[in-house]
Amino acid sequence: MMTPDASSRFQDSLPVSSDTLLEKLTEWGIAFQRHDHVPLKTVADSKLVQDMFLSAEEGGGNIKNLYLRDHKKRNFLIVTEQDCKFDLKALPHLIGSGRLSFGSSDRLMENLGVRPGAVTPLAMINGVSTGVRMFMDASLQDCKMIYPHPLVNDRTLAMTPDGLVAFLSKIECKFDWITIQ
């Protein structure tokens, strides 16, 4: 038996499949363009396929997503531009948390319904019911397009920041814009 990975091949083992998410976006009138590619596990991997997307200079928002947990067992999703450098020790002050560490893959599945490599703001479709708090870097508001994974790591969506915010509103996800750099 194959061990499930974060690709669409195993999407039916997720609480919400990628296909179901795409159907919901369409049903809600949230525009997106789907791009299929090899599975991407890291920012370095994603840079290998970024010729499919707008560059940062052209207004493209290639993102990285961090699933973090504090010592009080509170869960956080931090969404930043992929090359954003920040101090993990300084982040608690910005988001009102205790000392932060990366959440385990088991907790990631339990709280966001995705596997490592597919962390995305769209996973808040699961995270709203498990109490995950989300923060997005305010600089992403200035992008023409943002590129999140749709719960799997071999697909990327192109959507406007307003489209992403509309999705978050539709699922009743409250989030905060923060200035990381």
C-alpha atoms as a PDB file:
ATOM      1  CA  MET A   1       0.000   0.000   0.000  1.00  0.00           C
ATOM      2  CA  MET A   2       1.299   3.461  -0.915  1.00  0.00           C
ATOM      3  CA  THR A   3       1.782   6.068   1.772  1.00  0.00           C
ATOM      4  CA  PRO A   4      -0.420   9.055   0.930  1.00  0.00           C
ATOM      5  CA  ASP A   5       1.451  12.189  -0.066  1.00  0.00           C
ATOM      6  CA  ALA A   6       0.232  15.751  -0.619  1.00  0.00           C
ATOM      7  CA  SER A   7      -0.589  15.228  -4.316  1.00  0.00           C
ATOM      8  CA  SER A   8      -4.042  15.152  -5.884  1.00  0.00           C
ATOM      9  CA  ARG A   9      -3.691  11.393  -6.282  1.00  0.00           C
ATOM     10  CA  PHE A  10      -4.634  11.116  -2.585  1.00  0.00           C
ATOM     11  CA  GLN A  11      -7.108  14.009  -2.413  1.00  0.00           C
ATOM     12  CA  ASP A  12     -10.006  11.689  -1.567  1.00  0.00           C
ATOM     13  CA  SER A  13      -8.314  10.915   1.761  1.00  0.00           C
ATOM     14  CA  LEU A  14      -8.590  14.587   2.810  1.00  0.00           C
ATOM     15  CA  PRO A  15     -11.541  16.006   4.787  1.00  0.00           C
ATOM     16  CA  VAL A  16     -12.270  18.256   1.771  1.00  0.00           C
ATOM     17  CA  SER A  17     -10.875  17.148  -1.594  1.00  0.00           C
ATOM     18  CA  SER A  18      -9.203  19.576  -3.964  1.00  0.00           C
ATOM     19  CA  ASP A  19     -11.919  18.890  -6.546  1.00  0.00           C
ATOM     20  CA  THR A  20     -14.621  19.724  -3.981  1.00  0.00           C
ATOM     21  CA  LEU A  21     -12.831  22.965  -3.090  1.00  0.00           C
ATOM     22  CA  LEU A  22     -12.654  23.946  -6.781  1.00  0.00           C
ATOM     23  CA  GLU A  23     -16.376  23.198  -7.165  1.00  0.00           C
ATOM     24  CA  LYS A  24     -17.127  25.432  -4.153  1.00  0.00           C
ATOM     25  CA  LEU A  25     -15.025  28.301  -5.547  1.00  0.00           C
ATOM     26  CA  THR A  26     -16.898  28.028  -8.849  1.00  0.00           C
ATOM     27  CA  GLU A  27     -20.276  27.807  -7.087  1.00  0.00           C
ATOM     28  CA  TRP A  28     -19.433  30.923  -5.046  1.00  0.00           C
ATOM     29  CA  GLY A  29     -18.350  32.870  -8.140  1.00  0.00           C
ATOM     30  CA  ILE A  30     -14.730  33.223  -7.006  1.00  0.00           C
ATOM     31  CA  ALA A  31     -12.528  33.420 -10.086  1.00  0.00           C
ATOM     32  CA  PHE A  32      -9.373  31.315 -10.325  1.00  0.00           C
ATOM     33  CA  GLN A  33      -7.158  29.700 -12.891  1.00  0.00           C
ATOM     34  CA  ARG A  34      -5.833  26.203 -12.160  1.00  0.00           C
ATOM     35  CA  HIS A  35      -2.268  25.185 -13.012  1.00  0.00           C
ATOM     36  CA  ASP A  36      -1.176  21.534 -12.757  1.00  0.00           C
ATOM     37  CA  HIS A  37       2.495  20.710 -12.182  1.00  0.00           C
ATOM     38  CA  VAL A  38       4.837  18.278 -10.447  1.00  0.00           C
ATOM     39  CA  PRO A  39       4.345  17.985  -6.661  1.00  0.00           C
ATOM     40  CA  LEU A  40       6.002  20.899  -4.848  1.00  0.00           C
ATOM     41  CA  LYS A  41       7.153  20.377  -1.275  1.00  0.00           C
ATOM     42  CA  THR A  42       9.218  23.507  -0.627  1.00  0.00           C
ATOM     43  CA  VAL A  43       9.639  27.097  -1.778  1.00  0.00           C
ATOM     44  CA  ALA A  44      12.754  25.931  -3.641  1.00  0.00           C
ATOM     45  CA  ASP A  45      10.619  23.346  -5.500  1.00  0.00           C
ATOM     46  CA  SER A  46       7.985  25.942  -6.345  1.00  0.00           C
ATOM     47  CA  LYS A  47      10.586  28.294  -7.815  1.00  0.00           C
ATOM     48  CA  LEU A  48      11.262  25.642 -10.475  1.00  0.00           C
ATOM     49  CA  VAL A  49       7.758  26.092 -11.941  1.00  0.00           C
ATOM     50  CA  GLN A  50       7.235  29.815 -11.382  1.00  0.00           C
ATOM     51  CA  ASP A  51       7.635  30.684 -15.037  1.00  0.00           C
ATOM     52  CA  MET A  52       3.923  29.705 -15.190  1.00  0.00           C
ATOM     53  CA  PHE A  53       3.064  32.694 -12.977  1.00  0.00           C
ATOM     54  CA  LEU A  54       3.573  36.447 -12.762  1.00  0.00           C
ATOM     55  CA  SER A  55       6.911  37.370 -11.217  1.00  0.00           C
ATOM     56  CA  ALA A  56       7.015  39.480  -8.064  1.00  0.00           C
ATOM     57  CA  GLU A  57       7.978  42.461 -10.253  1.00  0.00           C
ATOM     58  CA  GLU A  58       4.855  41.864 -12.371  1.00  0.00           C
ATOM     59  CA  GLY A  59       2.602  41.657  -9.289  1.00  0.00           C
ATOM     60  CA  GLY A  60       2.745  37.926  -8.635  1.00  0.00           C
ATOM     61  CA  GLY A  61       2.301  36.781  -5.050  1.00  0.00           C
ATOM     62  CA  ASN A  62       4.084  33.467  -4.707  1.00  0.00           C
ATOM     63  CA  ILE A  63       3.469  32.536  -1.097  1.00  0.00           C
ATOM     64  CA  LYS A  64       4.796  30.363   1.673  1.00  0.00           C
ATOM     65  CA  ASN A  65       2.531  29.126   4.422  1.00  0.00           C
ATOM     66  CA  LEU A  66       3.653  28.244   7.915  1.00  0.00           C
ATOM     67  CA  TYR A  67       1.587  26.095  10.259  1.00  0.00           C
ATOM     68  CA  LEU A  68       2.707  26.979  13.779  1.00  0.00           C
ATOM     69  CA  ARG A  69       1.689  26.130  17.320  1.00  0.00           C
ATOM     70  CA  ASP A  70       2.440  27.888  20.584  1.00  0.00           C
ATOM     71  CA  HIS A  71       3.080  26.511  24.057  1.00  0.00           C
ATOM     72  CA  LYS A  72      -0.622  26.989  24.905  1.00  0.00           C
ATOM     73  CA  LYS A  73      -1.453  24.567  22.053  1.00  0.00           C
ATOM     74  CA  ARG A  74      -2.999  27.304  19.905  1.00  0.00           C
ATOM     75  CA  ASN A  75      -2.622  26.816  16.146  1.00  0.00           C
ATOM     76  CA  PHE A  76      -1.681  29.496  13.629  1.00  0.00           C
ATOM     77  CA  LEU A  77      -1.369  29.781   9.861  1.00  0.00           C
ATOM     78  CA  ILE A  78       1.023  32.487   8.682  1.00  0.00           C
ATOM     79  CA  VAL A  79       0.905  33.419   4.980  1.00  0.00           C
ATOM     80  CA  THR A  80       3.764  35.494   3.568  1.00  0.00           C
ATOM     81  CA  GLU A  81       5.480  36.225   0.286  1.00  0.00           C
ATOM     82  CA  GLN A  82       7.752  33.265  -0.439  1.00  0.00           C
ATOM     83  CA  ASP A  83      11.020  35.151   0.071  1.00  0.00           C
ATOM     84  CA  CYS A  84       9.927  36.957   3.232  1.00  0.00           C
ATOM     85  CA  LYS A  85      12.566  36.614   5.930  1.00  0.00           C
ATOM     86  CA  PHE A  86      11.447  36.913   9.509  1.00  0.00           C
ATOM     87  CA  ASP A  87      12.519  35.917  12.966  1.00  0.00           C
ATOM     88  CA  LEU A  88      10.357  33.153  14.409  1.00  0.00           C
ATOM     89  CA  LYS A  89      11.213  34.511  17.863  1.00  0.00           C
ATOM     90  CA  ALA A  90       9.797  37.947  16.960  1.00  0.00           C
ATOM     91  CA  LEU A  91       6.560  36.597  15.454  1.00  0.00           C
ATOM     92  CA  PRO A  92       4.760  35.946  18.795  1.00  0.00           C
ATOM     93  CA  HIS A  93       4.796  39.690  19.498  1.00  0.00           C
ATOM     94  CA  LEU A  94       3.105  40.348  16.116  1.00  0.00           C
ATOM     95  CA  ILE A  95       0.369  37.743  16.495  1.00  0.00           C
ATOM     96  CA  GLY A  96      -0.172  37.741  20.264  1.00  0.00           C
ATOM     97  CA  SER A  97       1.019  34.203  20.857  1.00  0.00           C
ATOM     98  CA  GLY A  98       3.451  32.415  23.079  1.00  0.00           C
ATOM     99  CA  ARG A  99       6.695  30.843  21.878  1.00  0.00           C
ATOM    100  CA  LEU A 100       6.110  29.242  18.477  1.00  0.00           C
ATOM    101  CA  SER A 101       7.192  25.993  16.888  1.00  0.00           C
ATOM    102  CA  PHE A 102       6.186  24.176  13.728  1.00  0.00           C
ATOM    103  CA  GLY A 103       3.120  21.958  14.051  1.00  0.00           C
ATOM    104  CA  SER A 104       3.480  18.233  13.405  1.00  0.00           C
ATOM    105  CA  SER A 105       2.137  16.567  10.265  1.00  0.00           C
ATOM    106  CA  ASP A 106      -0.531  14.818  12.374  1.00  0.00           C
ATOM    107  CA  ARG A 107      -1.707  18.142  13.824  1.00  0.00           C
ATOM    108  CA  LEU A 108      -1.560  19.707  10.379  1.00  0.00           C
ATOM    109  CA  MET A 109      -3.988  17.068   9.067  1.00  0.00           C
ATOM    110  CA  GLU A 110      -6.154  17.313  12.184  1.00  0.00           C
ATOM    111  CA  ASN A 111      -6.404  21.117  12.121  1.00  0.00           C
ATOM    112  CA  LEU A 112      -6.075  22.137   8.457  1.00  0.00           C
ATOM    113  CA  GLY A 113      -6.915  18.896   6.644  1.00  0.00           C
ATOM    114  CA  VAL A 114      -3.780  18.884   4.466  1.00  0.00           C
ATOM    115  CA  ARG A 115      -0.430  17.134   4.354  1.00  0.00           C
ATOM    116  CA  PRO A 116       3.022  18.765   4.516  1.00  0.00           C
ATOM    117  CA  GLY A 117       3.779  20.444   1.206  1.00  0.00           C
ATOM    118  CA  ALA A 118       0.164  21.500   0.645  1.00  0.00           C
ATOM    119  CA  VAL A 119      -0.282  24.090   3.409  1.00  0.00           C
ATOM    120  CA  THR A 120      -2.382  26.920   2.032  1.00  0.00           C
ATOM    121  CA  PRO A 121      -4.758  29.687   3.124  1.00  0.00           C
ATOM    122  CA  LEU A 122      -7.463  27.682   1.327  1.00  0.00           C
ATOM    123  CA  ALA A 123      -7.049  25.024   4.048  1.00  0.00           C
ATOM    124  CA  MET A 124      -8.931  27.385   6.329  1.00  0.00           C
ATOM    125  CA  ILE A 125     -12.013  25.675   4.873  1.00  0.00           C
ATOM    126  CA  ASN A 126     -11.097  23.117   7.555  1.00  0.00           C
ATOM    127  CA  GLY A 127      -9.200  25.414   9.934  1.00  0.00           C
ATOM    128  CA  VAL A 128     -12.188  27.608  10.798  1.00  0.00           C
ATOM    129  CA  SER A 129     -13.847  24.710  12.624  1.00  0.00           C
ATOM    130  CA  THR A 130     -10.681  23.739  14.526  1.00  0.00           C
ATOM    131  CA  GLY A 131      -9.823  27.230  15.782  1.00  0.00           C
ATOM    132  CA  VAL A 132      -6.733  27.901  13.661  1.00  0.00           C
ATOM    133  CA  ARG A 133      -5.932  31.631  13.629  1.00  0.00           C
ATOM    134  CA  MET A 134      -4.709  33.004  10.321  1.00  0.00           C
ATOM    135  CA  PHE A 135      -2.438  35.961   9.623  1.00  0.00           C
ATOM    136  CA  MET A 136      -1.433  37.260   6.191  1.00  0.00           C
ATOM    137  CA  ASP A 137       1.437  39.575   5.394  1.00  0.00           C
ATOM    138  CA  ALA A 138      -0.087  42.927   4.442  1.00  0.00           C
ATOM    139  CA  SER A 139       2.229  43.213   1.424  1.00  0.00           C
ATOM    140  CA  LEU A 140       0.164  40.497  -0.313  1.00  0.00           C
ATOM    141  CA  GLN A 141      -2.706  42.993  -0.675  1.00  0.00           C
ATOM    142  CA  ASP A 142      -0.665  44.794  -3.343  1.00  0.00           C
ATOM    143  CA  CYS A 143      -0.276  41.722  -5.576  1.00  0.00           C
ATOM    144  CA  LYS A 144      -2.192  41.336  -8.822  1.00  0.00           C
ATOM    145  CA  MET A 145      -2.396  37.570  -8.284  1.00  0.00           C
ATOM    146  CA  ILE A 146      -1.771  35.226  -5.354  1.00  0.00           C
ATOM    147  CA  TYR A 147      -0.836  31.590  -5.951  1.00  0.00           C
ATOM    148  CA  PRO A 148      -2.159  29.175  -3.293  1.00  0.00           C
ATOM    149  CA  HIS A 149      -2.344  25.393  -3.533  1.00  0.00           C
ATOM    150  CA  PRO A 150      -5.917  24.034  -3.580  1.00  0.00           C
ATOM    151  CA  LEU A 151      -5.266  21.572  -0.685  1.00  0.00           C
ATOM    152  CA  VAL A 152      -2.816  19.489  -2.776  1.00  0.00           C
ATOM    153  CA  ASN A 153       0.725  20.257  -3.906  1.00  0.00           C
ATOM    154  CA  ASP A 154       0.544  19.366  -7.596  1.00  0.00           C
ATOM    155  CA  ARG A 155      -1.934  22.137  -8.402  1.00  0.00           C
ATOM    156  CA  THR A 156      -1.688  25.882  -7.918  1.00  0.00           C
ATOM    157  CA  LEU A 157      -4.466  28.429  -8.328  1.00  0.00           C
ATOM    158  CA  ALA A 158      -4.040  31.960  -9.616  1.00  0.00           C
ATOM    159  CA  MET A 159      -6.495  34.221  -7.829  1.00  0.00           C
ATOM    160  CA  THR A 160      -6.657  37.885  -6.935  1.00  0.00           C
ATOM    161  CA  PRO A 161      -6.144  38.986  -3.335  1.00  0.00           C
ATOM    162  CA  ASP A 162      -9.800  40.091  -3.382  1.00  0.00           C
ATOM    163  CA  GLY A 163     -10.789  36.599  -4.540  1.00  0.00           C
ATOM    164  CA  LEU A 164      -8.888  35.025  -1.667  1.00  0.00           C
ATOM    165  CA  VAL A 165     -10.492  37.436   0.806  1.00  0.00           C
ATOM    166  CA  ALA A 166     -13.929  36.641  -0.694  1.00  0.00           C
ATOM    167  CA  PHE A 167     -13.253  32.921  -0.134  1.00  0.00           C
ATOM    168  CA  LEU A 168     -12.208  33.558   3.475  1.00  0.00           C
ATOM    169  CA  SER A 169     -15.345  35.644   4.023  1.00  0.00           C
ATOM    170  CA  LYS A 170     -17.537  32.922   2.503  1.00  0.00           C
ATOM    171  CA  ILE A 171     -16.186  30.324   4.966  1.00  0.00           C
ATOM    172  CA  GLU A 172     -16.432  32.881   7.811  1.00  0.00           C
ATOM    173  CA  CYS A 173     -12.695  32.924   8.425  1.00  0.00           C
ATOM    174  CA  LYS A 174     -11.583  35.925  10.408  1.00  0.00           C
ATOM    175  CA  PHE A 175      -7.931  36.749   9.786  1.00  0.00           C
ATOM    176  CA  ASP A 176      -5.543  39.614  10.373  1.00  0.00           C
ATOM    177  CA  TRP A 177      -3.214  41.455   8.027  1.00  0.00           C
ATOM    178  CA  ILE A 178       0.179  41.943   9.673  1.00  0.00           C
ATOM    179  CA  THR A 179       3.365  43.675   8.577  1.00  0.00           C
ATOM    180  CA  ILE A 180       6.146  41.115   8.832  1.00  0.00           C
ATOM    181  CA  GLN A 181       9.061  42.993   7.257  1.00  0.00           C
END
